[in-house]
Amino acid sequence: MADTVNIRKENSVNSEVIAQARFNDVFQILGEKVDSDNRTWYLVEFDFGCKGWIPGWLCEKTDDWPRVRKSNKGSLLNPAIDEDIYVRALLLEEYTRESFEKAFGKNYTEEARYVYKKYKYPSGLYFEINRENELAFFGVEEPMSGKIYPDTITRKTCDIFSEPGDELLIFFECSLYYRLLVCRADTGDVLREYTLGYLNLDNIEIGDFLNNGSQQIYLEGNIDGYPKKGLYRVVDDDFVEVFNINSFDQYADHVQASLDGNSFSMSVRIGNYQKSFTSILPDKVFYDTTDVKDKNGLLTIESDWDVVRKNNRWLIQVCCKVNYPMIYYYWGPPGDDNEPNEILYNDLARVFVDLSMNGTRQEISDVRAEVKYDNPELLKVEPLGYDEIRLVDGPSVEMTMEEAYQALGGSMENFRYAEHMEYNGVSLLEFCGSIVDITVTTPEYETPRGLRVGDPIEKVERLYGKPDYGFSGDGYVSYKCTYPELGFVNYYRGLDIGYKDGVVKWFTLYQVILD
């Protein structure tokens, strides 16, 4: 194969390019066509539910294992493996040394390693145990290599294929790819196996999202930090992508926002919903962009969506966020004139659109909007200060581990040094000799302003105002420190808060060590 080859929507050099294959990529041939110039094209599946045509004259056939392949009932993805050990391992109810010994016996060889102990069967199956005597991963050695980590395995029982009866869907990460094994729920017989692609899965849901009497799969994850999601339905026992991450971006076009000094304005016109908002933004929003004359050019509106269940019915919920680039991160001290490598967006407003699906037709069932800085009284709250990253009668950042341990009431007679330590409901992380992370999960300790675990949202806002990242009540929000001497955002100290059911479940005081 050439270094890169375009995969096209149709078997024509003039057709839309929908993906690219790289050198040594291997695909299963699903179909074959000859174009008007007598050139052969192959239909391949290059990702979960995604197919396209690849020029045959730029490829060569091989017996190597393909990235994506659907196996026949009762057979394995890789026919070189004679026994069904791979599937039997995935079907285990728990992943321990005892469970492997019960399923496969004890005729393994033991190999001691620096961190793990490896146990290998003559069949090629192996598993490894870490220092805590936990099963860390397992796999099958050549010709089918790749580690499978138990914490990546997700099981879903459903009736999504045309085969009669329920199926057991097992999602798992093997090597660089997430995969899906489909078995009969009652017998464990293999029906299909798919490679989902090079992504990390964060959420998997199965339900009748299209409200058409069938079931579909919703996958959410990321590729190298970039979000990816999709909703897939089954057609002729194959997956077809119905919606992807950009399928509902059009709703953001109906949200308009502008800045006039510290005054923020937003108007929303979606379906029958029409409303305008105004609010005053605190000065801290503009700490890093005070010299920008036209700040409207920095406002962006982005959209995202998720599947949600309300009143026993699945909806697709679109969220349009109005963002302002509040903080740039530099690999250098604050004030250095370096190129930013990351931007933290302060979401000034959100617009939610609930869509009830009728097949692929979208019906708006609800629209609502909110702005973050909706309480003028909270504008008077001082931003988080550089010297506040500490606990009252407890540790602070830049202490040594020994000092932090003593500040928590620990006795040096019992002290055993480690870079990470938990004591009295406080987690400490040290880097280069200094504490850089203090995570609190107990109400015993408080911040200089009086924040404790268990406090309600209202108290947190009275203490710190609105968060710089996220909306109060989100599962995770963040406040950033300011440099009082210089008057601009300090790039390496802050306060993160985790909420659940409207109260603080944990908070973290941290300092980022910069190069």
Protein backbone atom coordinates (compact mmCIF):
# COMPACT_ATOMS: atom_id res chain seq x y z
CA MET A 1 0.00 0.00 0.00
CA ALA A 2 1.11 3.61 -0.53
CA ASP A 3 1.99 5.72 2.53
CA THR A 4 -1.58 7.10 2.64
CA VAL A 5 -4.59 6.14 0.55
CA ASN A 6 -7.91 7.93 0.43
CA ILE A 7 -11.05 6.03 1.33
CA ARG A 8 -13.96 7.47 -0.64
CA LYS A 9 -17.73 7.47 -0.30
CA GLU A 10 -18.21 5.90 -3.75
CA ASN A 11 -15.96 3.92 -6.09
CA SER A 12 -14.74 6.96 -7.99
CA VAL A 13 -11.67 9.19 -7.81
CA ASN A 14 -14.08 12.16 -7.88
CA SER A 15 -16.07 10.94 -4.87
CA GLU A 16 -15.86 12.52 -1.42
CA VAL A 17 -12.90 11.48 0.74
CA ILE A 18 -14.26 10.19 4.06
CA ALA A 19 -11.08 8.73 5.62
CA GLN A 20 -7.47 7.85 4.96
CA ALA A 21 -5.68 4.55 5.31
CA ARG A 22 -2.05 4.43 6.37
CA PHE A 23 0.76 2.13 5.31
CA ASN A 24 0.32 -1.38 6.76
CA ASP A 25 -3.37 -0.83 7.61
CA VAL A 26 -5.30 -4.04 6.93
CA PHE A 27 -9.00 -4.16 6.10
CA GLN A 28 -11.50 -6.91 5.37
CA ILE A 29 -12.86 -6.73 1.81
CA LEU A 30 -16.65 -6.49 1.94
CA GLY A 31 -17.28 -5.88 -1.75
CA GLU A 32 -15.63 -5.22 -5.09
CA LYS A 33 -16.47 -3.00 -8.08
CA VAL A 34 -14.83 -1.95 -11.33
CA ASP A 35 -15.14 1.67 -12.45
CA SER A 36 -15.49 3.11 -15.95
CA ASP A 37 -11.69 3.03 -16.40
CA ASN A 38 -11.63 -0.70 -15.60
CA ARG A 39 -9.99 -0.09 -12.20
CA THR A 40 -10.90 -2.23 -9.20
CA TRP A 41 -12.23 -0.70 -5.98
CA TYR A 42 -12.73 -2.55 -2.69
CA LEU A 43 -15.47 -1.83 -0.16
CA VAL A 44 -13.94 -1.85 3.35
CA GLU A 45 -15.10 -1.06 6.87
CA PHE A 46 -12.54 1.30 8.35
CA ASP A 47 -14.25 2.06 11.66
CA PHE A 48 -17.29 1.02 13.67
CA GLY A 49 -20.24 1.37 11.29
CA CYS A 50 -18.19 3.32 8.71
CA LYS A 51 -17.57 1.94 5.22
CA GLY A 52 -15.96 3.29 2.10
CA TRP A 53 -14.22 2.42 -1.16
CA ILE A 54 -10.46 2.08 -1.42
CA PRO A 55 -8.56 1.94 -4.76
CA GLY A 56 -7.43 -1.62 -5.32
CA TRP A 57 -4.47 -0.61 -7.53
CA LEU A 58 -2.86 1.12 -4.54
CA CYS A 59 -3.26 -1.88 -2.22
CA GLU A 60 -2.24 -5.51 -2.07
CA LYS A 61 -4.10 -8.48 -0.64
CA THR A 62 -2.78 -10.14 2.50
CA ASP A 63 -3.69 -12.82 5.01
CA ASP A 64 -2.82 -10.55 7.93
CA TRP A 65 -5.37 -9.82 10.64
CA PRO A 66 -7.65 -6.90 9.66
CA ARG A 67 -8.41 -3.88 11.85
CA VAL A 68 -12.15 -4.46 11.44
CA ARG A 69 -13.65 -7.85 10.78
CA LYS A 70 -17.03 -9.44 11.44
CA SER A 71 -16.70 -13.09 12.43
CA ASN A 72 -19.21 -15.83 11.71
CA LYS A 73 -21.21 -17.45 14.44
CA GLY A 74 -19.06 -19.62 16.69
CA SER A 75 -15.74 -18.54 15.18
CA LEU A 76 -13.12 -16.14 16.47
CA LEU A 77 -11.85 -12.90 15.01
CA ASN A 78 -8.46 -14.47 14.39
CA PRO A 79 -8.87 -17.97 12.92
CA ALA A 80 -5.25 -18.78 13.87
CA ILE A 81 -6.44 -19.35 17.44
CA ASP A 82 -7.89 -22.85 17.53
CA GLU A 83 -9.55 -22.73 20.92
CA ASP A 84 -12.06 -20.25 22.25
CA ILE A 85 -9.81 -19.15 25.09
CA TYR A 86 -10.02 -15.52 24.10
CA VAL A 87 -13.82 -15.47 24.27
CA ARG A 88 -13.92 -17.59 27.42
CA ALA A 89 -11.62 -15.09 29.13
CA LEU A 90 -13.86 -12.18 28.17
CA LEU A 91 -16.90 -14.05 29.46
CA LEU A 92 -15.47 -14.52 32.96
CA GLU A 93 -17.69 -13.04 35.65
CA GLU A 94 -14.71 -11.62 37.55
CA TYR A 95 -11.02 -11.11 36.84
CA THR A 96 -8.85 -12.64 39.53
CA ARG A 97 -6.14 -15.27 39.64
CA GLU A 98 -8.67 -17.70 41.10
CA SER A 99 -11.18 -17.12 38.29
CA PHE A 100 -8.53 -17.84 35.63
CA GLU A 101 -7.39 -20.95 37.46
CA LYS A 102 -10.98 -22.17 37.72
CA ALA A 103 -11.65 -21.58 34.03
CA PHE A 104 -8.31 -22.66 32.53
CA GLY A 105 -6.58 -24.70 35.21
CA LYS A 106 -3.16 -24.26 36.82
CA ASN A 107 -0.96 -25.64 34.04
CA TYR A 108 0.72 -22.29 33.57
CA THR A 109 4.32 -21.20 33.88
CA GLU A 110 5.14 -18.36 36.27
CA GLU A 111 7.49 -15.57 35.33
CA ALA A 112 8.50 -12.94 37.89
CA ARG A 113 8.86 -9.38 36.63
CA TYR A 114 9.75 -6.08 38.25
CA VAL A 115 6.16 -4.98 38.85
CA TYR A 116 4.05 -7.94 37.76
CA LYS A 117 4.02 -11.70 37.92
CA LYS A 118 3.13 -13.26 34.59
CA TYR A 119 1.26 -16.56 34.31
CA LYS A 120 1.28 -18.12 30.84
CA TYR A 121 -0.68 -21.12 29.55
CA PRO A 122 0.57 -23.39 26.73
CA SER A 123 -2.31 -22.08 24.58
CA GLY A 124 -0.82 -18.59 24.60
CA LEU A 125 -3.29 -17.14 27.10
CA TYR A 126 -1.63 -15.22 29.92
CA PHE A 127 -2.54 -12.97 32.82
CA GLU A 128 -0.44 -10.74 35.05
CA ILE A 129 -0.78 -9.93 38.76
CA ASN A 130 0.46 -6.63 40.22
CA ARG A 131 2.07 -5.94 43.61
CA GLU A 132 -1.35 -5.56 45.25
CA ASN A 133 -2.17 -9.11 44.10
CA GLU A 134 -4.77 -7.76 41.66
CA LEU A 135 -5.20 -8.97 38.11
CA ALA A 136 -3.76 -6.11 36.06
CA PHE A 137 -4.39 -7.37 32.53
CA PHE A 138 -4.59 -10.50 30.39
CA GLY A 139 -4.22 -11.38 26.75
CA VAL A 140 -3.32 -13.92 24.12
CA GLU A 141 0.21 -13.87 22.74
CA GLU A 142 1.08 -14.07 19.06
CA PRO A 143 -0.45 -14.25 16.56
CA MET A 144 -3.09 -12.22 18.38
CA SER A 145 -1.20 -9.87 20.66
CA GLY A 146 -2.50 -7.08 22.83
CA LYS A 147 -3.26 -6.55 26.49
CA ILE A 148 -6.84 -6.41 27.75
CA TYR A 149 -7.37 -4.38 30.92
CA PRO A 150 -10.32 -5.56 33.05
CA ASP A 151 -11.32 -2.00 33.99
CA THR A 152 -12.04 -1.27 30.31
CA ILE A 153 -14.56 -4.10 29.97
CA THR A 154 -18.21 -3.06 29.82
CA ARG A 155 -21.09 -5.52 29.36
CA LYS A 156 -24.52 -4.75 27.98
CA THR A 157 -27.37 -7.24 27.46
CA CYS A 158 -29.89 -6.24 24.82
CA ASP A 159 -31.76 -7.38 21.71
CA ILE A 160 -30.20 -5.22 19.03
CA PHE A 161 -29.60 -7.68 16.18
CA SER A 162 -32.10 -9.55 14.03
CA GLU A 163 -30.99 -12.82 15.60
CA PRO A 164 -33.73 -14.11 17.91
CA GLY A 165 -33.02 -13.72 21.60
CA ASP A 166 -30.88 -11.36 23.62
CA GLU A 167 -27.26 -10.61 22.87
CA LEU A 168 -24.43 -9.93 25.28
CA LEU A 169 -22.32 -7.01 24.07
CA ILE A 170 -18.82 -6.84 25.56
CA PHE A 171 -16.88 -3.64 24.97
CA PHE A 172 -13.17 -3.76 25.80
CA GLU A 173 -9.83 -2.22 24.97
CA CYS A 174 -7.22 -4.44 23.33
CA SER A 175 -3.93 -3.03 22.09
CA LEU A 176 -4.66 0.44 20.66
CA TYR A 177 -8.29 -0.21 19.77
CA TYR A 178 -11.58 -0.56 21.57
CA ARG A 179 -13.48 -3.60 20.42
CA LEU A 180 -16.93 -5.09 20.65
CA LEU A 181 -17.65 -8.78 21.02
CA VAL A 182 -21.26 -9.84 20.42
CA CYS A 183 -22.38 -13.16 21.89
CA ARG A 184 -25.64 -14.93 22.51
CA ALA A 185 -26.60 -14.00 26.05
CA ASP A 186 -27.73 -17.55 26.92
CA THR A 187 -24.99 -19.66 25.33
CA GLY A 188 -22.02 -17.33 24.88
CA ASP A 189 -21.72 -18.27 21.20
CA VAL A 190 -19.93 -15.58 19.21
CA LEU A 191 -22.11 -13.77 16.68
CA ARG A 192 -19.90 -10.86 15.66
CA GLU A 193 -16.78 -8.97 16.60
CA TYR A 194 -15.91 -5.40 15.68
CA THR A 195 -13.06 -2.99 16.15
CA LEU A 196 -14.54 0.32 17.25
CA GLY A 197 -11.43 2.28 16.38
CA TYR A 198 -8.60 4.11 18.05
CA LEU A 199 -10.54 5.81 20.83
CA ASN A 200 -11.05 5.78 24.57
CA LEU A 201 -14.64 5.06 25.55
CA ASP A 202 -16.15 7.09 28.39
CA ASN A 203 -19.83 6.21 28.09
CA ILE A 204 -21.89 3.46 26.45
CA GLU A 205 -25.68 3.42 26.35
CA ILE A 206 -28.14 1.10 24.60
CA GLY A 207 -31.76 2.09 24.11
CA ASP A 208 -34.48 3.10 21.70
CA PHE A 209 -33.08 6.59 21.15
CA LEU A 210 -34.91 6.93 17.82
CA ASN A 211 -38.24 5.86 19.36
CA ASN A 212 -38.92 3.44 16.51
CA GLY A 213 -39.28 0.21 18.46
CA SER A 214 -35.68 -0.96 17.96
CA GLN A 215 -32.49 -0.49 19.94
CA GLN A 216 -29.40 1.52 19.09
CA ILE A 217 -25.93 2.07 20.57
CA TYR A 218 -24.61 5.41 21.80
CA LEU A 219 -20.84 5.68 22.19
CA GLU A 220 -18.96 8.61 23.71
CA GLY A 221 -15.22 8.91 24.02
CA ASN A 222 -12.16 10.70 22.72
CA ILE A 223 -9.29 10.28 20.30
CA ASP A 224 -6.05 11.84 21.50
CA GLY A 225 -8.06 14.24 23.64
CA TYR A 226 -10.52 15.18 20.90
CA PRO A 227 -14.14 14.23 21.67
CA LYS A 228 -15.90 11.65 19.55
CA LYS A 229 -19.42 10.31 19.82
CA GLY A 230 -22.00 8.65 17.69
CA LEU A 231 -25.35 6.91 17.64
CA TYR A 232 -25.47 3.65 15.67
CA ARG A 233 -28.30 1.42 14.52
CA VAL A 234 -28.19 -2.08 13.07
CA VAL A 235 -29.07 -2.68 9.42
CA ASP A 236 -28.80 -6.26 8.15
CA ASP A 237 -26.79 -7.16 11.27
CA ASP A 238 -24.29 -4.40 10.56
CA PHE A 239 -23.82 -1.05 12.28
CA VAL A 240 -24.66 2.21 10.53
CA GLU A 241 -23.86 5.61 12.02
CA VAL A 242 -27.02 7.69 12.41
CA PHE A 243 -25.57 10.74 14.20
CA ASN A 244 -22.02 11.88 14.89
CA ILE A 245 -20.57 14.59 17.12
CA ASN A 246 -21.42 17.36 14.63
CA SER A 247 -24.96 16.25 13.77
CA PHE A 248 -26.68 18.94 15.86
CA ASP A 249 -24.36 21.90 15.37
CA GLN A 250 -27.08 23.82 13.54
CA TYR A 251 -28.75 24.83 16.81
CA ALA A 252 -25.74 26.96 17.74
CA ASP A 253 -26.51 29.13 14.71
CA HIS A 254 -29.66 30.35 16.49
CA VAL A 255 -27.73 31.70 19.49
CA GLN A 256 -26.26 35.21 19.23
CA ALA A 257 -23.96 36.80 21.83
CA SER A 258 -22.02 40.06 22.16
CA LEU A 259 -19.90 42.09 24.60
CA ASP A 260 -19.97 45.82 25.32
CA GLY A 261 -17.37 46.48 27.98
CA ASN A 262 -18.35 44.26 30.91
CA SER A 263 -21.92 43.92 29.63
CA PHE A 264 -22.82 40.55 28.10
CA SER A 265 -25.88 40.10 25.88
CA MET A 266 -27.36 36.93 24.40
CA SER A 267 -30.44 36.18 22.31
CA VAL A 268 -31.90 32.77 21.54
CA ARG A 269 -34.37 31.91 18.77
CA ILE A 270 -35.00 28.19 18.52
CA GLY A 271 -38.41 26.93 17.43
CA ASN A 272 -41.04 28.75 19.47
CA TYR A 273 -38.48 29.79 22.09
CA GLN A 274 -37.34 33.40 21.83
CA LYS A 275 -35.60 35.13 24.69
CA SER A 276 -32.87 37.69 25.39
CA PHE A 277 -30.48 37.93 28.34
CA THR A 278 -28.10 40.54 29.69
CA SER A 279 -25.61 40.33 32.54
CA ILE A 280 -22.55 42.10 33.91
CA LEU A 281 -19.28 40.12 33.88
CA PRO A 282 -16.65 40.39 36.63
CA ASP A 283 -13.28 41.90 35.76
CA LYS A 284 -11.55 38.55 36.28
CA VAL A 285 -13.12 37.26 33.06
CA PHE A 286 -10.87 39.67 31.13
CA TYR A 287 -7.63 39.32 33.10
CA ASP A 288 -5.73 37.82 30.21
CA THR A 289 -7.37 39.85 27.41
CA THR A 290 -7.45 43.39 28.85
CA ASP A 291 -5.49 44.73 25.87
CA VAL A 292 -7.83 43.26 23.25
CA LYS A 293 -9.95 46.08 21.83
CA ASP A 294 -12.70 44.03 20.16
CA LYS A 295 -13.44 41.25 22.61
CA ASN A 296 -16.42 40.10 20.55
CA GLY A 297 -13.95 38.38 18.28
CA LEU A 298 -13.00 36.11 21.16
CA LEU A 299 -16.54 34.90 21.87
CA THR A 300 -17.30 31.46 20.48
CA ILE A 301 -20.44 29.34 20.47
CA GLU A 302 -20.00 25.57 20.42
CA SER A 303 -22.50 22.75 20.63
CA ASP A 304 -22.43 19.26 22.05
CA TRP A 305 -25.07 16.62 22.68
CA ASP A 306 -25.85 13.61 24.85
CA VAL A 307 -28.61 11.07 25.22
CA VAL A 308 -30.78 11.58 28.31
CA ARG A 309 -33.81 9.79 29.69
CA LYS A 310 -36.83 11.77 30.87
CA ASN A 311 -40.26 10.43 31.77
CA ASN A 312 -39.29 6.95 30.52
CA ARG A 313 -38.40 8.31 27.09
CA TRP A 314 -35.01 8.85 25.49
CA LEU A 315 -34.16 12.33 24.29
CA ILE A 316 -31.16 13.86 22.60
CA GLN A 317 -30.09 16.91 24.58
CA VAL A 318 -28.09 19.52 22.71
CA CYS A 319 -26.06 22.01 24.75
CA CYS A 320 -24.85 25.22 23.11
CA LYS A 321 -22.18 27.05 25.14
CA VAL A 322 -21.11 30.67 24.78
CA ASN A 323 -17.40 30.65 25.65
CA TYR A 324 -14.78 33.28 26.37
CA PRO A 325 -11.05 32.40 26.48
CA MET A 326 -10.36 33.42 30.05
CA ILE A 327 -7.02 31.77 30.66
CA TYR A 328 -4.10 30.75 28.49
CA TYR A 329 -1.63 28.17 29.80
CA TYR A 330 2.07 28.68 29.14
CA TRP A 331 5.03 26.43 29.79
CA GLY A 332 6.75 29.20 31.65
CA PRO A 333 6.19 31.60 34.55
CA PRO A 334 3.25 34.02 34.43
CA GLY A 335 3.98 37.02 32.26
CA ASP A 336 6.41 35.26 29.94
CA ASP A 337 5.73 36.08 26.31
CA ASN A 338 5.30 32.50 25.15
CA GLU A 339 2.87 30.93 22.75
CA PRO A 340 -0.09 29.36 24.60
CA ASN A 341 -0.48 25.62 24.35
CA GLU A 342 -3.95 25.40 25.84
CA ILE A 343 -6.93 27.68 26.41
CA LEU A 344 -9.40 27.43 29.26
CA TYR A 345 -12.82 28.59 28.12
CA ASN A 346 -15.13 30.26 30.61
CA ASP A 347 -18.65 29.27 29.58
CA LEU A 348 -20.66 32.46 30.05
CA ALA A 349 -24.00 30.96 29.04
CA ARG A 350 -25.68 27.71 28.04
CA VAL A 351 -28.67 26.86 25.89
CA PHE A 352 -30.24 23.41 26.17
CA VAL A 353 -32.40 21.91 23.41
CA ASP A 354 -34.24 18.66 24.15
CA LEU A 355 -35.04 16.71 20.98
CA SER A 356 -37.57 13.91 20.86
CA MET A 357 -36.63 11.70 17.93
CA ASN A 358 -39.12 10.18 15.55
CA GLY A 359 -36.76 8.01 13.59
CA THR A 360 -34.20 10.48 12.30
CA ARG A 361 -36.70 13.35 12.37
CA GLN A 362 -36.05 15.84 15.16
CA GLU A 363 -38.91 17.29 17.23
CA ILE A 364 -38.08 20.06 19.72
CA SER A 365 -39.67 19.21 23.06
CA ASP A 366 -38.02 21.85 25.27
CA VAL A 367 -35.59 24.79 25.10
CA ARG A 368 -34.10 26.60 28.07
CA ALA A 369 -31.20 28.99 28.56
CA GLU A 370 -29.15 30.37 31.45
CA VAL A 371 -26.32 32.81 31.93
CA LYS A 372 -23.57 32.23 34.49
CA TYR A 373 -23.19 35.70 36.01
CA ASP A 374 -26.84 36.22 36.86
CA ASN A 375 -26.35 37.58 40.40
CA PRO A 376 -24.87 41.11 40.60
CA GLU A 377 -24.12 40.67 44.31
CA LEU A 378 -21.63 37.92 43.53
CA LEU A 379 -19.58 40.33 41.42
CA LYS A 380 -18.33 41.82 44.68
CA VAL A 381 -16.66 38.56 45.71
CA GLU A 382 -12.87 38.79 45.50
CA PRO A 383 -11.22 36.35 43.09
CA LEU A 384 -9.27 33.44 44.52
CA GLY A 385 -5.93 34.67 45.81
CA TYR A 386 -2.47 33.25 45.28
CA ASP A 387 -1.96 32.79 49.03
CA GLU A 388 -5.21 30.84 49.59
CA ILE A 389 -4.03 27.48 48.32
CA ARG A 390 -3.82 25.93 51.77
CA LEU A 391 -5.95 24.47 54.53
CA VAL A 392 -6.61 26.17 57.85
CA ASP A 393 -4.68 24.23 60.48
CA GLY A 394 -3.50 21.93 57.72
CA PRO A 395 -1.04 21.61 54.84
CA SER A 396 -0.40 24.06 52.02
CA VAL A 397 1.19 23.71 48.61
CA GLU A 398 4.99 23.98 48.50
CA MET A 399 5.33 22.17 51.83
CA THR A 400 7.41 19.02 51.91
CA MET A 401 5.59 15.73 52.36
CA GLU A 402 6.90 15.51 55.89
CA GLU A 403 5.61 18.99 56.77
CA ALA A 404 2.20 18.28 55.20
CA TYR A 405 1.92 14.97 57.04
CA GLN A 406 2.66 16.67 60.35
CA ALA A 407 0.17 19.45 59.55
CA LEU A 408 -2.50 16.76 59.29
CA GLY A 409 -1.64 15.49 62.76
CA GLY A 410 0.57 12.62 61.69
CA SER A 411 3.37 11.39 63.95
CA MET A 412 6.83 11.29 62.43
CA GLU A 413 7.37 7.98 64.21
CA ASN A 414 4.87 6.45 61.79
CA PHE A 415 5.93 8.45 58.72
CA ARG A 416 7.01 6.50 55.64
CA TYR A 417 7.87 8.68 52.68
CA ALA A 418 5.91 8.35 49.44
CA GLU A 419 5.15 10.77 46.61
CA HIS A 420 1.43 10.16 47.15
CA MET A 421 -0.11 9.76 50.58
CA GLU A 422 -3.60 9.70 52.08
CA TYR A 423 -4.15 10.58 55.73
CA ASN A 424 -7.23 11.69 57.71
CA GLY A 425 -9.36 12.11 54.58
CA VAL A 426 -6.76 14.24 52.78
CA SER A 427 -4.79 13.10 49.75
CA LEU A 428 -1.33 14.63 49.20
CA LEU A 429 0.75 14.59 46.04
CA GLU A 430 4.37 15.70 45.98
CA PHE A 431 6.45 16.62 42.95
CA CYS A 432 10.10 17.63 42.95
CA GLY A 433 10.11 17.90 46.75
CA SER A 434 6.98 20.09 47.10
CA ILE A 435 3.29 19.42 47.65
CA VAL A 436 1.43 20.23 44.43
CA ASP A 437 -2.00 18.70 45.10
CA ILE A 438 -4.17 18.62 48.23
CA THR A 439 -7.47 16.78 47.78
CA VAL A 440 -9.96 16.86 50.66
CA THR A 441 -12.83 14.40 51.09
CA THR A 442 -13.64 15.06 54.76
CA PRO A 443 -15.47 18.02 56.38
CA GLU A 444 -12.76 18.18 59.06
CA TYR A 445 -10.64 20.71 57.14
CA GLU A 446 -11.55 24.05 55.61
CA THR A 447 -10.03 26.60 53.23
CA PRO A 448 -9.12 30.13 54.40
CA ARG A 449 -12.58 31.30 53.29
CA GLY A 450 -14.35 28.49 55.12
CA LEU A 451 -15.12 25.98 52.36
CA ARG A 452 -15.71 22.45 53.63
CA VAL A 453 -16.81 19.15 52.13
CA GLY A 454 -20.60 18.96 52.52
CA ASP A 455 -21.21 22.67 51.90
CA PRO A 456 -24.10 23.56 49.55
CA ILE A 457 -23.63 25.40 46.25
CA GLU A 458 -25.06 28.61 47.70
CA LYS A 459 -22.33 28.81 50.34
CA VAL A 460 -19.57 28.15 47.79
CA GLU A 461 -20.86 31.00 45.62
CA ARG A 462 -20.98 33.35 48.60
CA LEU A 463 -17.36 32.46 49.32
CA TYR A 464 -15.87 32.40 45.82
CA GLY A 465 -18.49 33.70 43.39
CA LYS A 466 -19.22 31.90 40.15
CA PRO A 467 -16.64 29.37 38.93
CA ASP A 468 -14.22 30.20 36.12
CA TYR A 469 -14.88 26.87 34.45
CA GLY A 470 -18.28 25.17 34.48
CA PHE A 471 -21.58 26.14 36.09
CA SER A 472 -22.21 25.79 39.81
CA GLY A 473 -23.65 22.35 40.40
CA ASP A 474 -21.80 20.64 37.57
CA GLY A 475 -19.94 17.53 38.61
CA TYR A 476 -16.72 19.49 38.31
CA VAL A 477 -15.99 23.24 38.46
CA SER A 478 -12.79 25.23 38.72
CA TYR A 479 -11.61 28.53 40.20
CA LYS A 480 -8.30 30.06 39.11
CA CYS A 481 -5.96 32.16 41.23
CA THR A 482 -4.85 35.73 40.60
CA TYR A 483 -1.47 37.31 41.12
CA PRO A 484 -2.27 40.23 43.46
CA GLU A 485 1.02 42.03 42.81
CA LEU A 486 0.74 41.93 39.03
CA GLY A 487 -3.02 41.93 38.65
CA PHE A 488 -3.39 39.16 36.12
CA VAL A 489 -4.30 35.49 36.18
CA ASN A 490 -1.70 33.24 37.71
CA TYR A 491 -1.32 30.20 35.55
CA TYR A 492 -0.41 27.56 38.07
CA ARG A 493 -2.62 27.68 41.16
CA GLY A 494 -6.30 26.97 41.59
CA LEU A 495 -9.21 25.31 43.34
CA ASP A 496 -11.25 22.47 41.83
CA ILE A 497 -14.57 21.39 43.35
CA GLY A 498 -16.57 18.22 42.82
CA TYR A 499 -20.34 18.42 43.38
CA LYS A 500 -22.95 15.74 43.82
CA ASP A 501 -26.62 16.44 44.51
CA GLY A 502 -25.87 20.11 45.12
CA VAL A 503 -23.20 19.69 47.80
CA VAL A 504 -19.41 19.58 47.77
CA LYS A 505 -18.12 15.99 47.70
CA TRP A 506 -14.43 16.89 47.37
CA PHE A 507 -12.17 19.80 46.58
CA THR A 508 -8.59 20.09 45.40
CA LEU A 509 -6.08 22.86 46.01
CA TYR A 510 -3.25 22.60 43.51
CA GLN A 511 -0.16 24.13 42.02
CA VAL A 512 1.08 23.23 38.55
CA ILE A 513 4.85 23.02 38.28
CA LEU A 514 5.95 24.75 35.08
CA ASP A 515 9.14 24.19 33.13
